[in-house]
Amino acid sequence: MNSMLGSVEKILANLRGNLEIDRAILLNFTNLNEKEREMVLRWRNNEEIRKWMFTDQIISLEEHLEFIGSLRRDSRNFYFLVKRASEYLGVMCLTRVDLRNRNAYLGIYVNPEKKISGVGSVLGEILLKLAFDVTKLHTLKLEVFEDNERAIALYKRLGFVEEGRLREFVFRDGRWKDVIVMGITEEEYGKIR
């Protein structure tokens, strides 16, 4: 029991700090400087990012800073700004982290201000390593709008499989949209590594 508790504490400490995976630095949102916090907010409010989010309204600086502050006390949701060399690649997160059952959900978006070919795949591969190699998850899930074809194709290339559908789950663009639930297990991840 103590060894399990110790490993949970070690995993949480890793997720609360900055990490390096595949020559990329994952900067925990709670460790961002002012310039980086403002950049992430600008990206998040970009129309190309917002249109794929469950919460698609413009977020104020005050709301953004409150959110980052709340992450300091949160042991289930971890957000990272990903940087490789001098390039900011995008944002990734593990949310609804349940270390007892070893599962979580992911979120990811690329830097909308600098189009870098293949960056979605790079972020996805780093996120899989964060989930399975660092966090020691058994299962990783995601939810994606049915019409986000680029994201669905990326997730399939990364090894995710469709597991279900939340019918008419989000009202967007004047209609109800389904949300597709996808997942990957540690065994499936091991086969594609």
C-alpha atoms as a PDB file:
ATOM      1  CA  MET A   1       0.000   0.000   0.000  1.00  0.00           C
ATOM      2  CA  ASN A   2       2.772   2.479   0.909  1.00  0.00           C
ATOM      3  CA  SER A   3       4.606   1.738  -2.329  1.00  0.00           C
ATOM      4  CA  MET A   4       1.440   2.450  -4.333  1.00  0.00           C
ATOM      5  CA  LEU A   5       0.916   5.705  -2.419  1.00  0.00           C
ATOM      6  CA  GLY A   6       4.556   6.629  -3.037  1.00  0.00           C
ATOM      7  CA  SER A   7       4.237   6.046  -6.774  1.00  0.00           C
ATOM      8  CA  VAL A   8       1.033   8.132  -6.894  1.00  0.00           C
ATOM      9  CA  GLU A   9       2.811  10.997  -5.123  1.00  0.00           C
ATOM     10  CA  LYS A  10       5.755  10.709  -7.534  1.00  0.00           C
ATOM     11  CA  ILE A  11       3.426  10.787 -10.559  1.00  0.00           C
ATOM     12  CA  LEU A  12       1.578  13.838  -9.186  1.00  0.00           C
ATOM     13  CA  ALA A  13       4.883  15.604  -8.521  1.00  0.00           C
ATOM     14  CA  ASN A  14       5.940  14.928 -12.132  1.00  0.00           C
ATOM     15  CA  LEU A  15       2.636  16.234 -13.504  1.00  0.00           C
ATOM     16  CA  ARG A  16       2.821  19.401 -11.383  1.00  0.00           C
ATOM     17  CA  GLY A  17       6.282  20.264 -12.662  1.00  0.00           C
ATOM     18  CA  ASN A  18       7.853  20.821 -16.040  1.00  0.00           C
ATOM     19  CA  LEU A  19       8.807  17.698 -17.976  1.00  0.00           C
ATOM     20  CA  GLU A  20      11.037  16.830 -20.894  1.00  0.00           C
ATOM     21  CA  ILE A  21       9.824  14.242 -23.415  1.00  0.00           C
ATOM     22  CA  ASP A  22      11.357  13.682 -26.864  1.00  0.00           C
ATOM     23  CA  ARG A  23      13.466  16.853 -26.699  1.00  0.00           C
ATOM     24  CA  ALA A  24      10.328  18.877 -25.951  1.00  0.00           C
ATOM     25  CA  ILE A  25       9.739  20.791 -22.747  1.00  0.00           C
ATOM     26  CA  LEU A  26       6.249  20.487 -21.268  1.00  0.00           C
ATOM     27  CA  LEU A  27       5.740  23.656 -19.221  1.00  0.00           C
ATOM     28  CA  ASN A  28       3.036  23.164 -16.606  1.00  0.00           C
ATOM     29  CA  PHE A  29       0.549  26.044 -16.855  1.00  0.00           C
ATOM     30  CA  THR A  30       1.201  26.864 -13.189  1.00  0.00           C
ATOM     31  CA  ASN A  31       4.858  27.587 -14.081  1.00  0.00           C
ATOM     32  CA  LEU A  32       4.267  29.837 -17.108  1.00  0.00           C
ATOM     33  CA  ASN A  33       5.624  33.365 -17.148  1.00  0.00           C
ATOM     34  CA  GLU A  34       3.360  36.316 -17.938  1.00  0.00           C
ATOM     35  CA  LYS A  35       4.227  36.333 -21.651  1.00  0.00           C
ATOM     36  CA  GLU A  36       3.492  32.600 -21.968  1.00  0.00           C
ATOM     37  CA  ARG A  37       0.184  32.890 -20.067  1.00  0.00           C
ATOM     38  CA  GLU A  38      -0.932  35.680 -22.413  1.00  0.00           C
ATOM     39  CA  MET A  39       0.170  33.702 -25.482  1.00  0.00           C
ATOM     40  CA  VAL A  40      -1.814  30.624 -24.376  1.00  0.00           C
ATOM     41  CA  LEU A  41      -4.888  32.807 -23.800  1.00  0.00           C
ATOM     42  CA  ARG A  42      -4.509  34.353 -27.270  1.00  0.00           C
ATOM     43  CA  TRP A  43      -4.275  30.861 -28.797  1.00  0.00           C
ATOM     44  CA  ARG A  44      -7.264  29.580 -26.816  1.00  0.00           C
ATOM     45  CA  ASN A  45      -9.364  32.556 -27.969  1.00  0.00           C
ATOM     46  CA  ASN A  46      -8.348  32.040 -31.612  1.00  0.00           C
ATOM     47  CA  GLU A  47     -11.411  31.120 -33.693  1.00  0.00           C
ATOM     48  CA  GLU A  48      -9.640  28.073 -35.186  1.00  0.00           C
ATOM     49  CA  ILE A  49      -9.173  26.664 -31.663  1.00  0.00           C
ATOM     50  CA  ARG A  50     -12.435  27.816 -30.037  1.00  0.00           C
ATOM     51  CA  LYS A  51     -14.663  26.245 -32.685  1.00  0.00           C
ATOM     52  CA  TRP A  52     -13.598  22.756 -31.534  1.00  0.00           C
ATOM     53  CA  MET A  53     -13.973  23.418 -27.792  1.00  0.00           C
ATOM     54  CA  PHE A  54     -16.976  22.557 -25.641  1.00  0.00           C
ATOM     55  CA  THR A  55     -16.651  26.047 -24.170  1.00  0.00           C
ATOM     56  CA  ASP A  56     -16.357  28.239 -27.243  1.00  0.00           C
ATOM     57  CA  GLN A  57     -16.806  31.740 -25.812  1.00  0.00           C
ATOM     58  CA  ILE A  58     -13.977  34.270 -25.559  1.00  0.00           C
ATOM     59  CA  ILE A  59     -12.137  33.864 -22.247  1.00  0.00           C
ATOM     60  CA  SER A  60     -11.048  37.005 -20.392  1.00  0.00           C
ATOM     61  CA  LEU A  61      -7.568  37.431 -18.930  1.00  0.00           C
ATOM     62  CA  GLU A  62      -9.106  37.370 -15.438  1.00  0.00           C
ATOM     63  CA  GLU A  63     -10.894  34.057 -16.145  1.00  0.00           C
ATOM     64  CA  HIS A  64      -7.694  32.621 -17.622  1.00  0.00           C
ATOM     65  CA  LEU A  65      -5.595  33.600 -14.607  1.00  0.00           C
ATOM     66  CA  GLU A  66      -8.240  32.228 -12.216  1.00  0.00           C
ATOM     67  CA  PHE A  67      -8.193  28.940 -14.123  1.00  0.00           C
ATOM     68  CA  ILE A  68      -4.395  28.702 -13.926  1.00  0.00           C
ATOM     69  CA  GLY A  69      -4.568  29.536 -10.201  1.00  0.00           C
ATOM     70  CA  SER A  70      -7.101  26.756  -9.651  1.00  0.00           C
ATOM     71  CA  LEU A  71      -4.697  24.241 -11.230  1.00  0.00           C
ATOM     72  CA  ARG A  72      -2.283  24.767  -8.321  1.00  0.00           C
ATOM     73  CA  ARG A  73      -4.775  22.984  -6.038  1.00  0.00           C
ATOM     74  CA  ASP A  74      -5.996  20.461  -8.605  1.00  0.00           C
ATOM     75  CA  SER A  75      -4.797  16.851  -8.579  1.00  0.00           C
ATOM     76  CA  ARG A  76      -6.950  15.710 -11.525  1.00  0.00           C
ATOM     77  CA  ASN A  77      -6.275  18.204 -14.321  1.00  0.00           C
ATOM     78  CA  PHE A  78      -2.848  19.051 -15.755  1.00  0.00           C
ATOM     79  CA  TYR A  79      -2.197  21.485 -18.615  1.00  0.00           C
ATOM     80  CA  PHE A  80       1.088  22.003 -20.456  1.00  0.00           C
ATOM     81  CA  LEU A  81       2.509  24.428 -22.991  1.00  0.00           C
ATOM     82  CA  VAL A  82       4.830  22.416 -25.252  1.00  0.00           C
ATOM     83  CA  LYS A  83       8.066  23.934 -26.500  1.00  0.00           C
ATOM     84  CA  ARG A  84      10.784  22.360 -28.627  1.00  0.00           C
ATOM     85  CA  ALA A  85      13.983  24.356 -29.128  1.00  0.00           C
ATOM     86  CA  SER A  86      12.696  27.924 -29.456  1.00  0.00           C
ATOM     87  CA  GLU A  87       9.317  26.971 -30.987  1.00  0.00           C
ATOM     88  CA  TYR A  88       6.070  26.827 -29.031  1.00  0.00           C
ATOM     89  CA  LEU A  89       4.241  23.854 -30.577  1.00  0.00           C
ATOM     90  CA  GLY A  90       0.900  23.862 -28.775  1.00  0.00           C
ATOM     91  CA  VAL A  91      -1.004  22.910 -25.643  1.00  0.00           C
ATOM     92  CA  MET A  92      -1.830  19.494 -24.223  1.00  0.00           C
ATOM     93  CA  CYS A  93      -3.616  18.311 -21.133  1.00  0.00           C
ATOM     94  CA  LEU A  94      -4.518  15.273 -19.117  1.00  0.00           C
ATOM     95  CA  THR A  95      -7.885  15.818 -17.432  1.00  0.00           C
ATOM     96  CA  ARG A  96     -10.123  13.810 -15.136  1.00  0.00           C
ATOM     97  CA  VAL A  97      -6.982  11.916 -14.094  1.00  0.00           C
ATOM     98  CA  ASP A  98      -7.873   8.928 -11.913  1.00  0.00           C
ATOM     99  CA  LEU A  99      -4.653   7.342 -10.693  1.00  0.00           C
ATOM    100  CA  ARG A 100      -6.465   4.650  -8.718  1.00  0.00           C
ATOM    101  CA  ASN A 101      -8.122   3.317 -11.881  1.00  0.00           C
ATOM    102  CA  ARG A 102      -5.269   4.565 -14.062  1.00  0.00           C
ATOM    103  CA  ASN A 103      -7.331   6.481 -16.612  1.00  0.00           C
ATOM    104  CA  ALA A 104      -7.660  10.030 -17.914  1.00  0.00           C
ATOM    105  CA  TYR A 105      -8.892  12.144 -20.816  1.00  0.00           C
ATOM    106  CA  LEU A 106      -6.692  14.155 -23.135  1.00  0.00           C
ATOM    107  CA  GLY A 107      -6.896  17.497 -24.802  1.00  0.00           C
ATOM    108  CA  ILE A 108      -4.605  18.946 -27.447  1.00  0.00           C
ATOM    109  CA  TYR A 109      -4.330  21.893 -29.774  1.00  0.00           C
ATOM    110  CA  VAL A 110      -1.558  23.235 -31.951  1.00  0.00           C
ATOM    111  CA  ASN A 111      -0.148  26.738 -32.022  1.00  0.00           C
ATOM    112  CA  PRO A 112      -2.619  28.521 -34.339  1.00  0.00           C
ATOM    113  CA  GLU A 113      -0.204  31.383 -35.003  1.00  0.00           C
ATOM    114  CA  LYS A 114       2.549  29.299 -36.571  1.00  0.00           C
ATOM    115  CA  LYS A 115       1.602  26.511 -38.930  1.00  0.00           C
ATOM    116  CA  ILE A 116       4.195  23.767 -38.518  1.00  0.00           C
ATOM    117  CA  SER A 117       3.633  20.683 -40.665  1.00  0.00           C
ATOM    118  CA  GLY A 118       3.078  17.500 -38.651  1.00  0.00           C
ATOM    119  CA  VAL A 119       2.986  19.224 -35.275  1.00  0.00           C
ATOM    120  CA  GLY A 120      -0.315  17.548 -34.326  1.00  0.00           C
ATOM    121  CA  SER A 121       1.308  14.132 -34.658  1.00  0.00           C
ATOM    122  CA  VAL A 122       4.350  15.264 -32.666  1.00  0.00           C
ATOM    123  CA  LEU A 123       2.123  16.573 -29.859  1.00  0.00           C
ATOM    124  CA  GLY A 124       0.038  13.397 -29.944  1.00  0.00           C
ATOM    125  CA  GLU A 125       3.088  11.159 -29.623  1.00  0.00           C
ATOM    126  CA  ILE A 126       4.430  13.235 -26.735  1.00  0.00           C
ATOM    127  CA  LEU A 127       1.037  13.106 -25.028  1.00  0.00           C
ATOM    128  CA  LEU A 128       0.924   9.310 -25.339  1.00  0.00           C
ATOM    129  CA  LYS A 129       4.351   9.075 -23.684  1.00  0.00           C
ATOM    130  CA  LEU A 130       3.180  11.428 -20.933  1.00  0.00           C
ATOM    131  CA  ALA A 131       0.067   9.317 -20.360  1.00  0.00           C
ATOM    132  CA  PHE A 132       1.565   5.835 -20.501  1.00  0.00           C
ATOM    133  CA  ASP A 133       5.279   6.179 -19.715  1.00  0.00           C
ATOM    134  CA  VAL A 134       5.188   8.994 -17.135  1.00  0.00           C
ATOM    135  CA  THR A 135       1.688   8.779 -15.636  1.00  0.00           C
ATOM    136  CA  LYS A 136       1.445   4.971 -15.969  1.00  0.00           C
ATOM    137  CA  LEU A 137      -2.156   5.047 -17.181  1.00  0.00           C
ATOM    138  CA  HIS A 138      -4.027   1.955 -18.298  1.00  0.00           C
ATOM    139  CA  THR A 139      -6.564   3.791 -20.480  1.00  0.00           C
ATOM    140  CA  LEU A 140      -6.608   7.189 -22.181  1.00  0.00           C
ATOM    141  CA  LYS A 141      -9.845   8.645 -23.550  1.00  0.00           C
ATOM    142  CA  LEU A 142     -10.863  11.660 -25.598  1.00  0.00           C
ATOM    143  CA  GLU A 143     -14.010  13.319 -26.868  1.00  0.00           C
ATOM    144  CA  VAL A 144     -14.107  14.972 -30.292  1.00  0.00           C
ATOM    145  CA  PHE A 145     -16.851  16.622 -32.344  1.00  0.00           C
ATOM    146  CA  GLU A 146     -18.146  14.337 -35.097  1.00  0.00           C
ATOM    147  CA  ASP A 147     -17.213  16.868 -37.797  1.00  0.00           C
ATOM    148  CA  ASN A 148     -13.620  17.431 -36.625  1.00  0.00           C
ATOM    149  CA  GLU A 149     -12.328  15.109 -39.338  1.00  0.00           C
ATOM    150  CA  ARG A 150      -8.667  16.188 -39.101  1.00  0.00           C
ATOM    151  CA  ALA A 151      -8.549  15.462 -35.376  1.00  0.00           C
ATOM    152  CA  ILE A 152     -10.328  12.120 -35.755  1.00  0.00           C
ATOM    153  CA  ALA A 153      -7.863  11.074 -38.480  1.00  0.00           C
ATOM    154  CA  LEU A 154      -4.933  12.104 -36.260  1.00  0.00           C
ATOM    155  CA  TYR A 155      -6.252  10.160 -33.280  1.00  0.00           C
ATOM    156  CA  LYS A 156      -6.754   7.053 -35.437  1.00  0.00           C
ATOM    157  CA  ARG A 157      -3.160   7.346 -36.725  1.00  0.00           C
ATOM    158  CA  LEU A 158      -2.015   7.517 -33.083  1.00  0.00           C
ATOM    159  CA  GLY A 159      -3.843   4.254 -32.322  1.00  0.00           C
ATOM    160  CA  PHE A 160      -7.106   5.443 -30.796  1.00  0.00           C
ATOM    161  CA  VAL A 161     -10.295   3.559 -31.596  1.00  0.00           C
ATOM    162  CA  GLU A 162     -13.859   4.821 -31.580  1.00  0.00           C
ATOM    163  CA  GLU A 163     -15.647   3.512 -28.484  1.00  0.00           C
ATOM    164  CA  GLY A 164     -18.944   5.317 -28.561  1.00  0.00           C
ATOM    165  CA  ARG A 165     -20.961   8.354 -29.440  1.00  0.00           C
ATOM    166  CA  LEU A 166     -22.681  10.960 -27.304  1.00  0.00           C
ATOM    167  CA  ARG A 167     -25.676  11.735 -29.484  1.00  0.00           C
ATOM    168  CA  GLU A 168     -26.722  15.360 -30.005  1.00  0.00           C
ATOM    169  CA  PHE A 169     -24.452  16.359 -27.134  1.00  0.00           C
ATOM    170  CA  VAL A 170     -23.384  19.901 -28.093  1.00  0.00           C
ATOM    171  CA  PHE A 171     -25.362  22.690 -29.777  1.00  0.00           C
ATOM    172  CA  ARG A 172     -23.078  24.442 -32.253  1.00  0.00           C
ATOM    173  CA  ASP A 173     -23.482  26.225 -35.570  1.00  0.00           C
ATOM    174  CA  GLY A 174     -27.274  26.127 -35.294  1.00  0.00           C
ATOM    175  CA  ARG A 175     -27.563  22.372 -34.805  1.00  0.00           C
ATOM    176  CA  TRP A 176     -26.962  19.567 -32.347  1.00  0.00           C
ATOM    177  CA  LYS A 177     -23.681  17.714 -32.851  1.00  0.00           C
ATOM    178  CA  ASP A 178     -22.616  14.257 -31.767  1.00  0.00           C
ATOM    179  CA  VAL A 179     -19.418  13.803 -29.804  1.00  0.00           C
ATOM    180  CA  ILE A 180     -17.298  10.753 -30.567  1.00  0.00           C
ATOM    181  CA  VAL A 181     -15.563   9.010 -27.655  1.00  0.00           C
ATOM    182  CA  MET A 182     -12.239   7.410 -28.542  1.00  0.00           C
ATOM    183  CA  GLY A 183      -9.699   5.549 -26.444  1.00  0.00           C
ATOM    184  CA  ILE A 184      -6.433   3.663 -26.321  1.00  0.00           C
ATOM    185  CA  THR A 185      -5.168   1.194 -23.708  1.00  0.00           C
ATOM    186  CA  GLU A 186      -1.619   0.688 -22.477  1.00  0.00           C
ATOM    187  CA  GLU A 187      -1.552  -2.659 -24.312  1.00  0.00           C
ATOM    188  CA  GLU A 188      -2.562  -1.011 -27.603  1.00  0.00           C
ATOM    189  CA  TYR A 189       0.003   1.744 -27.012  1.00  0.00           C
ATOM    190  CA  GLY A 190       2.682  -0.901 -26.370  1.00  0.00           C
ATOM    191  CA  LYS A 191       1.974  -2.528 -29.735  1.00  0.00           C
ATOM    192  CA  ILE A 192       2.449   0.683 -31.705  1.00  0.00           C
ATOM    193  CA  ARG A 193       5.495   2.020 -29.845  1.00  0.00           C
END
